[in-house]
Amino acid sequence: MIGPLIRRAALGVSVAGLAFIAHYEGTRTTAYRDSVGVATICTGHTKYVRMGDRRTLGECEKFLREDTTEAGAAVSRLVRVHMTQDQYDALVSFTFNLGTGNLERSTLVRKLNAGDCQGAAREFARWDRAGGEVLTGLTKRRAAEAQLFKKGCDAQPNS
């Protein structure tokens, strides 16, 4: 069943994927400290941010596209199996929030690359902590990412 599967090289985060990330990140045009104290602005953007910084909504949209492109490149580099758009979007959200290193070292990506789609989906729930504390917002986000990701498991043979 090749129809809903997408080659890694052809993927880019979808409009729905961007909306998903924006929903869970929120957007603030003034710099703030995130749950672990990192200076953040716009929609989860952390590069070169200093407290007191301000940005326009247009700048925030540009940062979101750049940051998701970077996260997407990491997903494409680390995942060696075909993915559906939903799976890609879920993994970009995960990577955007947690960083490339966490995806790279995760059991989630190991299980996915080994062909264990359902096992990979269950791994999202393990990533609901920040600063050693379970955060309700992260628990909800990981559950939503897992649900989005699992849609693709049903589309893949041998899942």
C-alpha atoms as a PDB file:
ATOM      1  CA  MET A   1       0.000   0.000   0.000  1.00  0.00           C
ATOM      2  CA  ILE A   2       2.134   2.892  -1.286  1.00  0.00           C
ATOM      3  CA  GLY A   3      -0.591   5.565  -1.628  1.00  0.00           C
ATOM      4  CA  PRO A   4      -0.443   7.234   1.815  1.00  0.00           C
ATOM      5  CA  LEU A   5       3.269   6.619   2.308  1.00  0.00           C
ATOM      6  CA  ILE A   6       5.641   9.412   1.465  1.00  0.00           C
ATOM      7  CA  ARG A   7       9.331   9.181   0.671  1.00  0.00           C
ATOM      8  CA  ARG A   8      11.428  10.958   3.267  1.00  0.00           C
ATOM      9  CA  ALA A   9      12.979  13.358   0.778  1.00  0.00           C
ATOM     10  CA  ALA A  10       9.597  14.690  -0.341  1.00  0.00           C
ATOM     11  CA  LEU A  11       8.379  15.611   3.131  1.00  0.00           C
ATOM     12  CA  GLY A  12       7.953  19.059   4.577  1.00  0.00           C
ATOM     13  CA  VAL A  13       5.875  20.010   7.585  1.00  0.00           C
ATOM     14  CA  SER A  14       2.250  20.495   6.568  1.00  0.00           C
ATOM     15  CA  VAL A  15       0.055  23.501   7.339  1.00  0.00           C
ATOM     16  CA  ALA A  16      -1.780  21.256   9.824  1.00  0.00           C
ATOM     17  CA  GLY A  17       1.586  20.325  11.358  1.00  0.00           C
ATOM     18  CA  LEU A  18       2.508  23.991  11.780  1.00  0.00           C
ATOM     19  CA  ALA A  19      -0.878  24.662  13.406  1.00  0.00           C
ATOM     20  CA  PHE A  20      -0.370  21.666  15.710  1.00  0.00           C
ATOM     21  CA  ILE A  21       2.992  22.993  16.885  1.00  0.00           C
ATOM     22  CA  ALA A  22       1.675  26.544  17.280  1.00  0.00           C
ATOM     23  CA  HIS A  23      -1.239  25.253  19.356  1.00  0.00           C
ATOM     24  CA  TYR A  24       1.038  23.525  21.847  1.00  0.00           C
ATOM     25  CA  GLU A  25       3.786  26.168  21.889  1.00  0.00           C
ATOM     26  CA  GLY A  26       1.626  29.281  21.921  1.00  0.00           C
ATOM     27  CA  THR A  27       2.935  32.525  20.435  1.00  0.00           C
ATOM     28  CA  ARG A  28       4.279  35.496  22.381  1.00  0.00           C
ATOM     29  CA  THR A  29       5.860  38.515  20.726  1.00  0.00           C
ATOM     30  CA  THR A  30       7.808  39.436  23.874  1.00  0.00           C
ATOM     31  CA  ALA A  31      10.608  37.249  25.233  1.00  0.00           C
ATOM     32  CA  TYR A  32       9.783  35.054  28.229  1.00  0.00           C
ATOM     33  CA  ARG A  33      11.375  32.204  30.152  1.00  0.00           C
ATOM     34  CA  ASP A  34      10.041  28.738  29.318  1.00  0.00           C
ATOM     35  CA  SER A  35       9.327  26.048  31.924  1.00  0.00           C
ATOM     36  CA  VAL A  36      13.046  25.328  32.401  1.00  0.00           C
ATOM     37  CA  GLY A  37      14.202  28.955  32.260  1.00  0.00           C
ATOM     38  CA  VAL A  38      15.314  29.241  28.627  1.00  0.00           C
ATOM     39  CA  ALA A  39      14.748  32.657  27.031  1.00  0.00           C
ATOM     40  CA  THR A  40      12.083  32.082  24.384  1.00  0.00           C
ATOM     41  CA  ILE A  41      10.075  34.236  21.994  1.00  0.00           C
ATOM     42  CA  CYS A  42       7.381  33.807  19.378  1.00  0.00           C
ATOM     43  CA  THR A  43       6.364  30.158  18.868  1.00  0.00           C
ATOM     44  CA  GLY A  44       8.994  28.324  20.908  1.00  0.00           C
ATOM     45  CA  HIS A  45      11.952  30.076  19.261  1.00  0.00           C
ATOM     46  CA  THR A  46      15.091  30.053  21.437  1.00  0.00           C
ATOM     47  CA  LYS A  47      18.035  30.993  19.200  1.00  0.00           C
ATOM     48  CA  TYR A  48      19.729  34.279  20.079  1.00  0.00           C
ATOM     49  CA  VAL A  49      16.856  35.382  22.326  1.00  0.00           C
ATOM     50  CA  ARG A  50      17.446  37.841  25.151  1.00  0.00           C
ATOM     51  CA  MET A  51      14.961  38.875  27.758  1.00  0.00           C
ATOM     52  CA  GLY A  52      13.335  42.148  26.667  1.00  0.00           C
ATOM     53  CA  ASP A  53      13.343  41.185  22.979  1.00  0.00           C
ATOM     54  CA  ARG A  54      10.195  41.869  20.954  1.00  0.00           C
ATOM     55  CA  ARG A  55       9.194  40.535  17.533  1.00  0.00           C
ATOM     56  CA  THR A  56       6.345  41.057  15.095  1.00  0.00           C
ATOM     57  CA  LEU A  57       3.914  38.274  14.206  1.00  0.00           C
ATOM     58  CA  GLY A  58       5.536  38.179  10.763  1.00  0.00           C
ATOM     59  CA  GLU A  59       8.930  37.594  12.335  1.00  0.00           C
ATOM     60  CA  CYS A  60       7.399  34.906  14.541  1.00  0.00           C
ATOM     61  CA  GLU A  61       5.995  33.105  11.497  1.00  0.00           C
ATOM     62  CA  LYS A  62       9.429  33.250   9.835  1.00  0.00           C
ATOM     63  CA  PHE A  63      11.078  31.776  12.951  1.00  0.00           C
ATOM     64  CA  LEU A  64       8.480  28.991  13.091  1.00  0.00           C
ATOM     65  CA  ARG A  65       9.124  28.031   9.472  1.00  0.00           C
ATOM     66  CA  GLU A  66      12.902  28.106   9.967  1.00  0.00           C
ATOM     67  CA  ASP A  67      12.749  26.129  13.218  1.00  0.00           C
ATOM     68  CA  THR A  68      10.418  23.480  11.795  1.00  0.00           C
ATOM     69  CA  THR A  69      12.577  23.188   8.673  1.00  0.00           C
ATOM     70  CA  GLU A  70      15.562  22.489  10.930  1.00  0.00           C
ATOM     71  CA  ALA A  71      13.582  19.934  12.978  1.00  0.00           C
ATOM     72  CA  GLY A  72      12.289  18.359   9.762  1.00  0.00           C
ATOM     73  CA  ALA A  73      15.813  17.994   8.384  1.00  0.00           C
ATOM     74  CA  ALA A  74      16.768  16.106  11.549  1.00  0.00           C
ATOM     75  CA  VAL A  75      13.726  13.833  11.241  1.00  0.00           C
ATOM     76  CA  SER A  76      14.547  13.114   7.598  1.00  0.00           C
ATOM     77  CA  ARG A  77      18.180  12.369   8.467  1.00  0.00           C
ATOM     78  CA  LEU A  78      17.410  10.092  11.437  1.00  0.00           C
ATOM     79  CA  VAL A  79      14.359   8.171  10.220  1.00  0.00           C
ATOM     80  CA  ARG A  80      15.280   5.543   7.654  1.00  0.00           C
ATOM     81  CA  VAL A  81      11.792   4.204   6.910  1.00  0.00           C
ATOM     82  CA  HIS A  82       8.921   5.651   4.940  1.00  0.00           C
ATOM     83  CA  MET A  83       6.526   7.862   6.885  1.00  0.00           C
ATOM     84  CA  THR A  84       3.101   9.298   6.327  1.00  0.00           C
ATOM     85  CA  GLN A  85       2.645  13.069   6.519  1.00  0.00           C
ATOM     86  CA  ASP A  86       0.997  12.664   9.949  1.00  0.00           C
ATOM     87  CA  GLN A  87       3.972  10.691  11.262  1.00  0.00           C
ATOM     88  CA  TYR A  88       6.399  13.247   9.911  1.00  0.00           C
ATOM     89  CA  ASP A  89       4.425  16.138  11.438  1.00  0.00           C
ATOM     90  CA  ALA A  90       4.286  14.362  14.824  1.00  0.00           C
ATOM     91  CA  LEU A  91       8.041  13.745  14.753  1.00  0.00           C
ATOM     92  CA  VAL A  92       8.767  17.335  13.720  1.00  0.00           C
ATOM     93  CA  SER A  93       6.653  18.550  16.657  1.00  0.00           C
ATOM     94  CA  PHE A  94       8.534  16.205  18.989  1.00  0.00           C
ATOM     95  CA  THR A  95      11.930  17.314  17.664  1.00  0.00           C
ATOM     96  CA  PHE A  96      10.984  21.005  17.612  1.00  0.00           C
ATOM     97  CA  ASN A  97      10.079  20.757  21.303  1.00  0.00           C
ATOM     98  CA  LEU A  98      12.818  18.420  22.555  1.00  0.00           C
ATOM     99  CA  GLY A  99      15.713  18.903  20.171  1.00  0.00           C
ATOM    100  CA  THR A 100      17.534  16.793  17.636  1.00  0.00           C
ATOM    101  CA  GLY A 101      19.765  15.091  20.198  1.00  0.00           C
ATOM    102  CA  ASN A 102      16.804  13.702  22.102  1.00  0.00           C
ATOM    103  CA  LEU A 103      15.253  12.300  18.932  1.00  0.00           C
ATOM    104  CA  GLU A 104      18.595  10.831  17.892  1.00  0.00           C
ATOM    105  CA  ARG A 105      19.097   9.046  21.236  1.00  0.00           C
ATOM    106  CA  SER A 106      15.466   7.975  21.618  1.00  0.00           C
ATOM    107  CA  THR A 107      14.061   4.481  21.699  1.00  0.00           C
ATOM    108  CA  LEU A 108      11.227   5.989  19.638  1.00  0.00           C
ATOM    109  CA  VAL A 109      13.418   6.444  16.559  1.00  0.00           C
ATOM    110  CA  ARG A 110      15.152   3.088  17.124  1.00  0.00           C
ATOM    111  CA  LYS A 111      11.792   1.276  17.203  1.00  0.00           C
ATOM    112  CA  LEU A 112      10.516   3.187  14.178  1.00  0.00           C
ATOM    113  CA  ASN A 113      13.612   2.365  12.132  1.00  0.00           C
ATOM    114  CA  ALA A 114      13.272  -1.290  13.191  1.00  0.00           C
ATOM    115  CA  GLY A 115       9.735  -1.349  11.760  1.00  0.00           C
ATOM    116  CA  ASP A 116       7.893  -1.279  15.116  1.00  0.00           C
ATOM    117  CA  CYS A 117       5.460   1.526  14.389  1.00  0.00           C
ATOM    118  CA  GLN A 118       3.119   0.850  17.336  1.00  0.00           C
ATOM    119  CA  GLY A 119       6.082   0.492  19.700  1.00  0.00           C
ATOM    120  CA  ALA A 120       7.451   3.821  18.470  1.00  0.00           C
ATOM    121  CA  ALA A 121       4.060   5.447  19.054  1.00  0.00           C
ATOM    122  CA  ARG A 122       4.066   4.263  22.674  1.00  0.00           C
ATOM    123  CA  GLU A 123       7.439   5.946  23.250  1.00  0.00           C
ATOM    124  CA  PHE A 124       6.036   9.486  22.967  1.00  0.00           C
ATOM    125  CA  ALA A 125       4.537   9.212  26.455  1.00  0.00           C
ATOM    126  CA  ARG A 126       7.995   8.823  28.002  1.00  0.00           C
ATOM    127  CA  TRP A 127       8.891  12.409  27.092  1.00  0.00           C
ATOM    128  CA  ASP A 128       6.560  14.398  29.364  1.00  0.00           C
ATOM    129  CA  ARG A 129       9.135  15.972  31.704  1.00  0.00           C
ATOM    130  CA  ALA A 130      10.964  19.284  31.792  1.00  0.00           C
ATOM    131  CA  GLY A 131      13.538  19.975  34.446  1.00  0.00           C
ATOM    132  CA  GLY A 132      12.775  16.550  35.940  1.00  0.00           C
ATOM    133  CA  GLU A 133       9.115  17.409  36.548  1.00  0.00           C
ATOM    134  CA  VAL A 134       6.114  15.895  34.760  1.00  0.00           C
ATOM    135  CA  LEU A 135       4.270  18.761  33.076  1.00  0.00           C
ATOM    136  CA  THR A 136       0.593  18.397  32.247  1.00  0.00           C
ATOM    137  CA  GLY A 137       1.048  20.375  29.031  1.00  0.00           C
ATOM    138  CA  LEU A 138       3.786  18.031  27.854  1.00  0.00           C
ATOM    139  CA  THR A 139       1.725  14.975  28.779  1.00  0.00           C
ATOM    140  CA  LYS A 140      -1.120  16.312  26.624  1.00  0.00           C
ATOM    141  CA  ARG A 141       1.204  17.256  23.777  1.00  0.00           C
ATOM    142  CA  ARG A 142       2.916  13.845  23.727  1.00  0.00           C
ATOM    143  CA  ALA A 143      -0.484  12.088  23.748  1.00  0.00           C
ATOM    144  CA  ALA A 144      -1.607  14.217  20.794  1.00  0.00           C
ATOM    145  CA  GLU A 145       1.659  13.570  18.925  1.00  0.00           C
ATOM    146  CA  ALA A 146       1.298   9.825  19.551  1.00  0.00           C
ATOM    147  CA  GLN A 147      -2.286   9.875  18.306  1.00  0.00           C
ATOM    148  CA  LEU A 148      -1.259  11.736  15.151  1.00  0.00           C
ATOM    149  CA  PHE A 149       1.681   9.382  14.649  1.00  0.00           C
ATOM    150  CA  LYS A 150      -0.459   6.230  15.108  1.00  0.00           C
ATOM    151  CA  LYS A 151      -2.709   7.237  12.206  1.00  0.00           C
ATOM    152  CA  GLY A 152       0.251   6.434   9.990  1.00  0.00           C
ATOM    153  CA  CYS A 153       0.826   3.022  11.593  1.00  0.00           C
ATOM    154  CA  ASP A 154      -2.539   1.911  10.243  1.00  0.00           C
ATOM    155  CA  ALA A 155      -1.501   2.970   6.728  1.00  0.00           C
ATOM    156  CA  GLN A 156       1.713   0.976   6.751  1.00  0.00           C
ATOM    157  CA  PRO A 157       2.061  -2.691   5.946  1.00  0.00           C
ATOM    158  CA  ASN A 158       3.479  -4.914   8.731  1.00  0.00           C
ATOM    159  CA  SER A 159       2.733  -2.366  11.465  1.00  0.00           C
END
